[in-house]
Amino acid sequence: MSGIEIRFSGSGGQGLQLVARILGEEFSAKQRYVAISQGYEPTSRGGLSRADLVIGDQGKTSYPLVSRLDYLVILDQVAVAASKGLVHADTLIIADCERVTEPPSGAGKYLQLPLVKEALAAGTSRAVNIVSLGALVSCSRVCDPDALVDKISSSVPQRFIDMNIDAYQRGLTLGLDEKAV
């Protein structure tokens, strides 16, 4: 597997930096080079937010910022325009079916999934980030789905572990139902 570029995008407060860190830790554990960057508007909730990963096989990546996305997760309509020019015919886009009404153009595969609905079923809409992580992993197979369970457990407060593992499993199931790759 050569370099991979992934973006989690949405609005502030959706936990995008957390899921990027969880996924980045898994790639690092597999001896991959990982560059993580983030961007957000000055509002803490509701403004545009994104977390990007650039993963390389050996050594440093040639450029640590995304330039051509392989995978894009969009959790809110406010984030669609931020990825303009980065999607291409091979980009897999996973978007929430309620909060993203107008998808970006140019993607090879576009999946609208009930990410927020599944987060609510797990206990809270704030788990949409973990649901989306599960959906991405099962659709793309960028890593072993089982490998992230421990990383999720060690990244959230203890009282929320079960809820987040449930949210992750729900995301995996969504992705399996939609098998993109």
Protein backbone atom coordinates (compact mmCIF):
# COMPACT_ATOMS: atom_id res chain seq x y z
CA MET A 1 0.00 0.00 0.00
CA SER A 2 1.47 3.35 -1.00
CA GLY A 3 0.53 6.75 0.37
CA ILE A 4 -3.00 7.43 1.57
CA GLU A 5 -4.72 10.78 2.11
CA ILE A 6 -7.76 10.95 4.40
CA ARG A 7 -9.88 13.89 5.54
CA PHE A 8 -12.49 13.94 8.28
CA SER A 9 -14.57 17.10 7.88
CA GLY A 10 -17.59 18.64 9.51
CA SER A 11 -18.33 21.27 12.07
CA GLY A 12 -16.60 22.16 15.30
CA GLY A 13 -17.31 19.89 18.25
CA GLN A 14 -17.78 16.70 16.23
CA GLY A 15 -14.54 15.09 17.45
CA LEU A 16 -12.76 15.03 14.11
CA GLN A 17 -9.30 15.51 15.59
CA LEU A 18 -9.91 12.58 17.95
CA VAL A 19 -10.73 10.09 15.19
CA ALA A 20 -7.79 11.31 13.09
CA ARG A 21 -5.51 10.73 16.08
CA ILE A 22 -6.96 7.25 16.71
CA LEU A 23 -6.49 6.23 13.07
CA GLY A 24 -3.07 7.87 12.93
CA GLU A 25 -1.93 5.91 15.99
CA GLU A 26 -2.90 2.67 14.28
CA PHE A 27 -0.88 3.52 11.17
CA SER A 28 2.08 4.54 13.34
CA ALA A 29 1.86 1.23 15.21
CA LYS A 30 2.18 -0.49 11.82
CA GLN A 31 5.41 1.42 11.12
CA ARG A 32 3.81 3.85 8.68
CA TYR A 33 4.75 7.52 8.61
CA VAL A 34 1.77 9.70 9.53
CA ALA A 35 1.34 13.45 9.20
CA ILE A 36 -1.79 14.87 10.83
CA SER A 37 -2.97 18.41 10.27
CA GLN A 38 -6.11 20.22 11.26
CA GLY A 39 -8.04 23.30 10.42
CA TYR A 40 -10.99 24.97 12.07
CA GLU A 41 -12.80 28.26 12.22
CA PRO A 42 -12.52 30.32 15.39
CA THR A 43 -15.95 29.22 16.62
CA SER A 44 -15.75 26.22 18.92
CA ARG A 45 -19.04 24.68 17.82
CA GLY A 46 -20.73 24.88 14.44
CA GLY A 47 -17.93 26.34 12.31
CA LEU A 48 -15.94 24.41 9.73
CA SER A 49 -13.54 21.84 11.15
CA ARG A 50 -11.32 19.24 9.51
CA ALA A 51 -8.61 16.75 10.39
CA ASP A 52 -6.31 15.37 7.68
CA LEU A 53 -4.01 12.38 7.60
CA VAL A 54 -1.26 11.77 5.08
CA ILE A 55 0.14 8.26 5.46
CA GLY A 56 3.34 7.08 3.82
CA ASP A 57 5.01 3.70 3.60
CA GLN A 58 8.58 4.48 4.50
CA GLY A 59 10.24 7.55 5.84
CA LYS A 60 8.60 10.91 5.59
CA THR A 61 5.93 11.69 3.08
CA SER A 62 7.00 13.97 0.27
CA TYR A 63 4.40 16.55 1.34
CA PRO A 64 2.70 16.46 4.76
CA LEU A 65 -0.59 18.10 3.72
CA VAL A 66 -3.40 16.59 1.67
CA SER A 67 -3.30 17.35 -2.03
CA ARG A 68 -5.41 14.55 -3.55
CA LEU A 69 -7.82 12.78 -1.20
CA ASP A 70 -8.30 9.04 -1.29
CA TYR A 71 -10.99 9.11 1.40
CA LEU A 72 -13.23 11.94 2.57
CA VAL A 73 -15.69 11.79 5.45
CA ILE A 74 -18.17 14.68 5.61
CA LEU A 75 -20.37 15.12 8.66
CA ASP A 76 -21.87 18.54 7.90
CA GLN A 77 -22.76 20.55 4.81
CA VAL A 78 -20.54 23.41 6.01
CA ALA A 79 -17.51 21.22 5.20
CA VAL A 80 -18.28 20.31 1.59
CA ALA A 81 -16.61 23.32 -0.07
CA ALA A 82 -13.40 22.90 1.95
CA SER A 83 -12.44 19.83 -0.09
CA LYS A 84 -13.10 21.31 -3.51
CA GLY A 85 -10.20 20.51 -5.82
CA LEU A 86 -9.00 17.62 -3.64
CA VAL A 87 -11.47 14.95 -4.75
CA HIS A 88 -11.01 12.92 -7.93
CA ALA A 89 -12.51 9.94 -9.72
CA ASP A 90 -11.01 7.47 -7.21
CA THR A 91 -11.99 9.34 -4.03
CA LEU A 92 -14.41 7.53 -1.74
CA ILE A 93 -16.68 10.02 0.01
CA ILE A 94 -18.74 8.97 3.01
CA ALA A 95 -21.28 11.56 4.13
CA ASP A 96 -24.07 11.80 6.64
CA CYS A 97 -27.36 11.45 4.76
CA GLU A 98 -29.18 14.08 6.84
CA ARG A 99 -26.58 16.79 7.34
CA VAL A 100 -24.96 16.69 3.89
CA THR A 101 -27.54 17.56 1.26
CA GLU A 102 -25.28 18.66 -1.60
CA PRO A 103 -22.22 16.44 -2.04
CA PRO A 104 -18.98 17.59 -3.63
CA SER A 105 -18.56 16.76 -7.29
CA GLY A 106 -15.88 14.63 -8.85
CA ALA A 107 -15.86 11.60 -6.57
CA GLY A 108 -15.75 8.08 -7.90
CA LYS A 109 -17.87 6.63 -5.08
CA TYR A 110 -20.26 8.58 -2.87
CA LEU A 111 -22.01 6.94 0.06
CA GLN A 112 -24.72 8.70 2.03
CA LEU A 113 -25.05 6.88 5.33
CA PRO A 114 -27.16 7.51 8.45
CA LEU A 115 -24.12 8.34 10.58
CA VAL A 116 -25.85 10.69 13.03
CA LYS A 117 -28.83 8.34 13.33
CA GLU A 118 -26.51 5.48 14.30
CA ALA A 119 -24.67 7.71 16.78
CA LEU A 120 -28.01 8.55 18.42
CA ALA A 121 -28.83 4.84 18.55
CA ALA A 122 -25.52 4.30 20.37
CA GLY A 123 -26.44 6.96 22.93
CA THR A 124 -25.50 10.42 21.66
CA SER A 125 -25.05 12.37 18.45
CA ARG A 126 -21.56 13.27 19.70
CA ALA A 127 -20.45 9.73 18.79
CA VAL A 128 -20.92 10.48 15.07
CA ASN A 129 -17.14 10.74 14.73
CA ILE A 130 -16.68 7.17 15.96
CA VAL A 131 -19.53 5.89 13.78
CA SER A 132 -17.90 7.55 10.77
CA LEU A 133 -14.54 6.00 11.65
CA GLY A 134 -16.14 2.55 11.65
CA ALA A 135 -17.86 3.20 8.33
CA LEU A 136 -14.63 4.41 6.75
CA VAL A 137 -12.61 1.44 7.99
CA SER A 138 -15.15 -1.15 6.83
CA CYS A 139 -15.68 0.49 3.42
CA SER A 140 -12.01 1.10 2.69
CA ARG A 141 -10.16 -1.58 4.66
CA VAL A 142 -7.38 0.94 5.29
CA CYS A 143 -6.64 -1.03 8.47
CA ASP A 144 -7.83 -4.05 10.42
CA PRO A 145 -11.20 -3.09 11.95
CA ASP A 146 -10.45 -4.98 15.18
CA ALA A 147 -7.20 -3.06 15.69
CA LEU A 148 -9.01 0.18 16.51
CA VAL A 149 -11.12 -1.11 19.39
CA ASP A 150 -8.27 -0.82 21.93
CA LYS A 151 -7.26 2.58 20.56
CA ILE A 152 -10.82 3.88 20.91
CA SER A 153 -11.04 2.48 24.43
CA SER A 154 -7.85 4.22 25.49
CA SER A 155 -8.83 7.53 23.83
CA VAL A 156 -12.19 8.21 25.46
CA PRO A 157 -13.18 8.65 29.13
CA GLN A 158 -13.82 5.32 30.82
CA ARG A 159 -17.52 5.99 31.35
CA PHE A 160 -17.97 6.40 27.57
CA ILE A 161 -15.99 3.37 26.38
CA ASP A 162 -18.95 1.02 25.91
CA MET A 163 -20.97 3.66 24.08
CA ASN A 164 -18.08 4.48 21.75
CA ILE A 165 -17.35 0.81 21.00
CA ASP A 166 -21.05 0.37 20.20
CA ALA A 167 -20.88 3.44 17.93
CA TYR A 168 -17.79 2.03 16.19
CA GLN A 169 -19.48 -1.35 15.66
CA ARG A 170 -22.52 0.42 14.22
CA GLY A 171 -20.25 2.25 11.79
CA LEU A 172 -18.55 -0.97 10.77
CA THR A 173 -21.95 -2.51 10.06
CA LEU A 174 -23.01 0.50 7.97
CA GLY A 175 -19.83 0.17 5.93
CA LEU A 176 -20.27 -3.56 5.45
CA ASP A 177 -23.81 -2.98 4.22
CA GLU A 178 -22.47 -0.48 1.67
CA LYS A 179 -19.18 -2.26 0.84
CA ALA A 180 -17.47 0.30 -1.37
CA VAL A 181 -14.15 -1.31 -2.14
